[in-house]
Amino acid sequence: MTNEKLYDEIRAAHPDWTDEQVWTQVSIRISGEETISMHPDMNTNDNDIVRSIIEMADKWLRENLPYIWEKVKDWFANMLNNIVDWFKERGWSFITDIFTKYF
């Protein structure tokens, strides 16, 4: 699926989201798929996979859509600072909810 088609799919599912929110979700979905395909043996409950996805999504936005990244870079910094603790305390479903419901 192209980035544009993924954007359209996410936009259709969340019509009230801003472009920044949609493109952030695009970057996370792309990075998640890439991380999992590169490390198929990685345990999905491993906080390393979560950190890797966030770091790759941040990098993807910075390189491909720097004007969007400028607007969401603080969100990424906050995620990277807190994600491991959230994951340990609340589990994988909480992390999934952050990406699918809250942002």
N, C-alpha and C. Protein backbone atom coordinates (compact mmCIF):
# COMPACT_ATOMS: atom_id res chain seq x y z
N MET A 1 0.84 -1.17 0.00
CA MET A 1 0.00 0.00 0.00
C MET A 1 0.90 1.24 0.00
N THR A 2 0.55 2.19 -0.83
CA THR A 2 1.33 3.42 -0.88
C THR A 2 1.05 4.28 0.35
N ASN A 3 1.95 5.20 0.62
CA ASN A 3 1.76 6.11 1.74
C ASN A 3 0.46 6.91 1.59
N GLU A 4 0.17 7.31 0.37
CA GLU A 4 -1.03 8.09 0.11
C GLU A 4 -2.30 7.27 0.36
N LYS A 5 -2.29 6.00 -0.06
CA LYS A 5 -3.45 5.14 0.19
C LYS A 5 -3.61 4.88 1.68
N LEU A 6 -2.51 4.69 2.37
CA LEU A 6 -2.57 4.51 3.82
C LEU A 6 -3.11 5.77 4.48
N TYR A 7 -2.66 6.92 4.01
CA TYR A 7 -3.18 8.20 4.51
C TYR A 7 -4.70 8.26 4.31
N ASP A 8 -5.15 7.93 3.10
CA ASP A 8 -6.58 7.97 2.80
C ASP A 8 -7.37 7.02 3.68
N GLU A 9 -6.82 5.83 3.93
CA GLU A 9 -7.49 4.85 4.78
C GLU A 9 -7.64 5.37 6.21
N ILE A 10 -6.56 5.93 6.74
CA ILE A 10 -6.59 6.46 8.11
C ILE A 10 -7.48 7.70 8.19
N ARG A 11 -7.41 8.55 7.19
CA ARG A 11 -8.26 9.76 7.14
C ARG A 11 -9.73 9.35 7.14
N ALA A 12 -10.08 8.33 6.37
CA ALA A 12 -11.47 7.86 6.31
C ALA A 12 -11.93 7.30 7.65
N ALA A 13 -11.02 6.62 8.34
CA ALA A 13 -11.37 6.04 9.64
C ALA A 13 -11.45 7.10 10.74
N HIS A 14 -10.75 8.21 10.57
CA HIS A 14 -10.69 9.27 11.58
C HIS A 14 -10.85 10.64 10.91
N PRO A 15 -12.03 10.95 10.41
CA PRO A 15 -12.22 12.20 9.67
C PRO A 15 -12.01 13.46 10.51
N ASP A 16 -12.06 13.34 11.81
CA ASP A 16 -11.89 14.50 12.68
C ASP A 16 -10.42 14.78 13.03
N TRP A 17 -9.52 13.91 12.62
CA TRP A 17 -8.11 14.09 12.92
C TRP A 17 -7.49 15.16 12.02
N THR A 18 -6.44 15.81 12.54
CA THR A 18 -5.66 16.76 11.76
C THR A 18 -4.71 16.01 10.83
N ASP A 19 -4.15 16.74 9.86
CA ASP A 19 -3.14 16.12 9.00
C ASP A 19 -1.96 15.60 9.81
N GLU A 20 -1.59 16.33 10.86
CA GLU A 20 -0.48 15.90 11.70
C GLU A 20 -0.78 14.55 12.35
N GLN A 21 -2.00 14.39 12.84
CA GLN A 21 -2.37 13.13 13.46
C GLN A 21 -2.38 11.99 12.45
N VAL A 22 -2.94 12.25 11.28
CA VAL A 22 -3.01 11.20 10.27
C VAL A 22 -1.62 10.80 9.81
N TRP A 23 -0.77 11.78 9.50
CA TRP A 23 0.58 11.45 9.04
C TRP A 23 1.41 10.78 10.13
N THR A 24 1.17 11.14 11.39
CA THR A 24 1.87 10.46 12.48
C THR A 24 1.44 9.00 12.52
N GLN A 25 0.16 8.75 12.38
CA GLN A 25 -0.33 7.36 12.35
C GLN A 25 0.24 6.61 11.15
N VAL A 26 0.34 7.28 9.99
CA VAL A 26 0.95 6.66 8.81
C VAL A 26 2.38 6.26 9.14
N SER A 27 3.14 7.16 9.73
CA SER A 27 4.55 6.86 10.04
C SER A 27 4.66 5.70 11.02
N ILE A 28 3.75 5.63 11.97
CA ILE A 28 3.79 4.54 12.96
C ILE A 28 3.42 3.21 12.31
N ARG A 29 2.41 3.23 11.46
CA ARG A 29 2.02 1.98 10.78
C ARG A 29 3.13 1.48 9.87
N ILE A 30 3.73 2.38 9.10
CA ILE A 30 4.84 2.00 8.22
C ILE A 30 5.99 1.44 9.04
N SER A 31 6.34 2.13 10.10
CA SER A 31 7.47 1.72 10.94
C SER A 31 7.17 0.42 11.67
N GLY A 32 5.94 0.24 12.10
CA GLY A 32 5.56 -1.00 12.77
C GLY A 32 5.69 -2.19 11.84
N GLU A 33 5.17 -2.05 10.64
CA GLU A 33 5.27 -3.14 9.67
C GLU A 33 6.73 -3.44 9.33
N GLU A 34 7.51 -2.40 9.15
CA GLU A 34 8.93 -2.57 8.81
C GLU A 34 9.70 -3.23 9.96
N THR A 35 9.45 -2.78 11.18
CA THR A 35 10.14 -3.34 12.34
C THR A 35 9.81 -4.82 12.50
N ILE A 36 8.55 -5.16 12.38
CA ILE A 36 8.14 -6.55 12.55
C ILE A 36 8.69 -7.42 11.43
N SER A 37 8.70 -6.92 10.20
CA SER A 37 9.23 -7.72 9.09
C SER A 37 10.75 -7.90 9.21
N MET A 38 11.45 -6.92 9.78
CA MET A 38 12.90 -7.03 9.96
C MET A 38 13.26 -7.95 11.12
N HIS A 39 12.35 -8.09 12.08
CA HIS A 39 12.62 -8.89 13.28
C HIS A 39 11.44 -9.81 13.57
N PRO A 40 11.16 -10.77 12.69
CA PRO A 40 9.98 -11.61 12.89
C PRO A 40 10.03 -12.46 14.16
N ASP A 41 11.23 -12.68 14.68
CA ASP A 41 11.37 -13.48 15.88
C ASP A 41 11.23 -12.66 17.16
N MET A 42 11.11 -11.34 17.02
CA MET A 42 11.01 -10.47 18.19
C MET A 42 9.66 -10.71 18.88
N ASN A 43 9.70 -10.80 20.18
CA ASN A 43 8.49 -10.97 20.97
C ASN A 43 7.67 -9.69 20.90
N THR A 44 6.39 -9.81 20.56
CA THR A 44 5.56 -8.61 20.43
C THR A 44 5.33 -7.91 21.76
N ASN A 45 5.66 -8.55 22.85
CA ASN A 45 5.53 -7.90 24.15
C ASN A 45 6.84 -7.26 24.60
N ASP A 46 7.81 -7.27 23.76
CA ASP A 46 9.12 -6.72 24.08
C ASP A 46 9.10 -5.21 23.92
N ASN A 47 9.51 -4.49 24.97
CA ASN A 47 9.46 -3.02 24.86
C ASN A 47 10.46 -2.49 23.84
N ASP A 48 11.44 -3.29 23.43
CA ASP A 48 12.37 -2.86 22.38
C ASP A 48 11.66 -2.64 21.05
N ILE A 49 10.65 -3.46 20.77
CA ILE A 49 9.92 -3.30 19.52
C ILE A 49 9.12 -2.00 19.54
N VAL A 50 8.57 -1.66 20.69
CA VAL A 50 7.80 -0.43 20.82
C VAL A 50 8.72 0.77 20.61
N ARG A 51 9.85 0.78 21.27
CA ARG A 51 10.81 1.87 21.12
C ARG A 51 11.30 1.97 19.68
N SER A 52 11.57 0.85 19.06
CA SER A 52 12.04 0.85 17.67
C SER A 52 11.00 1.46 16.74
N ILE A 53 9.74 1.10 16.93
CA ILE A 53 8.67 1.64 16.09
C ILE A 53 8.58 3.15 16.23
N ILE A 54 8.63 3.64 17.46
CA ILE A 54 8.54 5.09 17.70
C ILE A 54 9.74 5.80 17.08
N GLU A 55 10.94 5.26 17.27
CA GLU A 55 12.13 5.90 16.72
C GLU A 55 12.10 5.91 15.19
N MET A 56 11.66 4.80 14.59
CA MET A 56 11.60 4.74 13.13
C MET A 56 10.53 5.68 12.58
N ALA A 57 9.40 5.77 13.27
CA ALA A 57 8.33 6.67 12.84
C ALA A 57 8.79 8.12 12.92
N ASP A 58 9.47 8.46 14.00
CA ASP A 58 10.02 9.80 14.16
C ASP A 58 10.98 10.11 13.01
N LYS A 59 11.86 9.19 12.72
CA LYS A 59 12.83 9.38 11.64
C LYS A 59 12.13 9.49 10.28
N TRP A 60 11.13 8.65 10.04
CA TRP A 60 10.41 8.68 8.77
C TRP A 60 9.76 10.05 8.56
N LEU A 61 9.09 10.55 9.57
CA LEU A 61 8.45 11.87 9.45
C LEU A 61 9.50 12.97 9.25
N ARG A 62 10.58 12.91 10.02
CA ARG A 62 11.63 13.92 9.92
C ARG A 62 12.20 13.97 8.51
N GLU A 63 12.40 12.81 7.89
CA GLU A 63 13.00 12.75 6.56
C GLU A 63 12.00 13.02 5.44
N ASN A 64 10.76 12.57 5.59
CA ASN A 64 9.79 12.64 4.50
C ASN A 64 8.83 13.82 4.59
N LEU A 65 8.48 14.22 5.79
CA LEU A 65 7.53 15.32 5.98
C LEU A 65 8.01 16.22 7.11
N PRO A 66 9.13 16.92 6.90
CA PRO A 66 9.70 17.71 7.99
C PRO A 66 8.77 18.78 8.54
N TYR A 67 7.88 19.32 7.71
CA TYR A 67 6.94 20.33 8.20
C TYR A 67 5.91 19.72 9.15
N ILE A 68 5.55 18.46 8.94
CA ILE A 68 4.67 17.75 9.88
C ILE A 68 5.46 17.40 11.13
N TRP A 69 6.69 16.90 10.93
CA TRP A 69 7.52 16.51 12.07
C TRP A 69 7.73 17.68 13.03
N GLU A 70 7.94 18.87 12.49
CA GLU A 70 8.12 20.06 13.35
C GLU A 70 6.94 20.24 14.30
N LYS A 71 5.75 19.90 13.83
CA LYS A 71 4.54 20.08 14.64
C LYS A 71 4.32 18.96 15.66
N VAL A 72 4.91 17.78 15.42
CA VAL A 72 4.65 16.64 16.31
C VAL A 72 5.91 16.14 17.02
N LYS A 73 7.03 16.80 16.84
CA LYS A 73 8.28 16.31 17.43
C LYS A 73 8.21 16.23 18.95
N ASP A 74 7.49 17.13 19.59
CA ASP A 74 7.36 17.06 21.05
C ASP A 74 6.57 15.83 21.49
N TRP A 75 5.56 15.46 20.68
CA TRP A 75 4.80 14.24 20.97
C TRP A 75 5.72 13.03 20.92
N PHE A 76 6.58 12.96 19.90
CA PHE A 76 7.51 11.85 19.80
C PHE A 76 8.49 11.84 20.97
N ALA A 77 8.99 12.99 21.35
CA ALA A 77 9.91 13.06 22.49
C ALA A 77 9.23 12.56 23.75
N ASN A 78 7.99 12.97 23.96
CA ASN A 78 7.24 12.51 25.13
C ASN A 78 7.03 10.99 25.08
N MET A 79 6.68 10.49 23.90
CA MET A 79 6.49 9.05 23.76
C MET A 79 7.77 8.29 24.08
N LEU A 80 8.88 8.74 23.53
CA LEU A 80 10.14 8.04 23.77
C LEU A 80 10.56 8.10 25.23
N ASN A 81 10.23 9.18 25.90
CA ASN A 81 10.57 9.30 27.32
C ASN A 81 9.70 8.42 28.21
N ASN A 82 8.47 8.14 27.79
CA ASN A 82 7.52 7.46 28.66
C ASN A 82 7.07 6.08 28.22
N ILE A 83 7.31 5.71 27.00
CA ILE A 83 6.72 4.51 26.44
C ILE A 83 7.10 3.23 27.19
N VAL A 84 8.35 3.11 27.58
CA VAL A 84 8.77 1.88 28.26
C VAL A 84 8.06 1.74 29.60
N ASP A 85 7.95 2.83 30.35
CA ASP A 85 7.24 2.76 31.63
C ASP A 85 5.76 2.45 31.42
N TRP A 86 5.15 3.09 30.44
CA TRP A 86 3.74 2.82 30.15
C TRP A 86 3.55 1.36 29.76
N PHE A 87 4.46 0.86 28.95
CA PHE A 87 4.38 -0.52 28.50
C PHE A 87 4.49 -1.47 29.69
N LYS A 88 5.45 -1.24 30.57
CA LYS A 88 5.64 -2.10 31.74
C LYS A 88 4.45 -2.04 32.68
N GLU A 89 3.92 -0.84 32.89
CA GLU A 89 2.82 -0.65 33.84
C GLU A 89 1.47 -1.09 33.30
N ARG A 90 1.21 -0.82 32.02
CA ARG A 90 -0.14 -1.00 31.49
C ARG A 90 -0.26 -2.02 30.37
N GLY A 91 0.84 -2.44 29.79
CA GLY A 91 0.80 -3.49 28.79
C GLY A 91 0.61 -3.03 27.36
N TRP A 92 0.65 -4.00 26.48
CA TRP A 92 0.61 -3.78 25.05
C TRP A 92 -0.70 -3.13 24.60
N SER A 93 -1.81 -3.52 25.19
CA SER A 93 -3.10 -2.96 24.74
C SER A 93 -3.17 -1.45 24.99
N PHE A 94 -2.59 -0.97 26.07
CA PHE A 94 -2.56 0.47 26.34
C PHE A 94 -1.77 1.19 25.25
N ILE A 95 -0.63 0.63 24.87
CA ILE A 95 0.20 1.23 23.83
C ILE A 95 -0.56 1.25 22.51
N THR A 96 -1.22 0.16 22.18
CA THR A 96 -2.02 0.10 20.96
C THR A 96 -3.10 1.17 20.98
N ASP A 97 -3.76 1.34 22.12
CA ASP A 97 -4.80 2.35 22.24
C ASP A 97 -4.27 3.76 22.00
N ILE A 98 -3.05 4.03 22.45
CA ILE A 98 -2.45 5.36 22.24
C ILE A 98 -2.40 5.68 20.74
N PHE A 99 -2.04 4.69 19.95
CA PHE A 99 -1.87 4.91 18.52
C PHE A 99 -3.16 4.84 17.74
N THR A 100 -4.14 4.11 18.22
CA THR A 100 -5.35 3.91 17.42
C THR A 100 -6.53 4.74 17.91
N LYS A 101 -6.58 5.06 19.18
CA LYS A 101 -7.73 5.79 19.70
C LYS A 101 -7.41 7.22 20.09
N TYR A 102 -6.27 7.40 20.72
CA TYR A 102 -5.97 8.71 21.29
C TYR A 102 -5.16 9.61 20.39
N PHE A 103 -4.50 9.03 19.39
CA PHE A 103 -3.74 9.87 18.48
C PHE A 103 -3.89 9.36 17.06
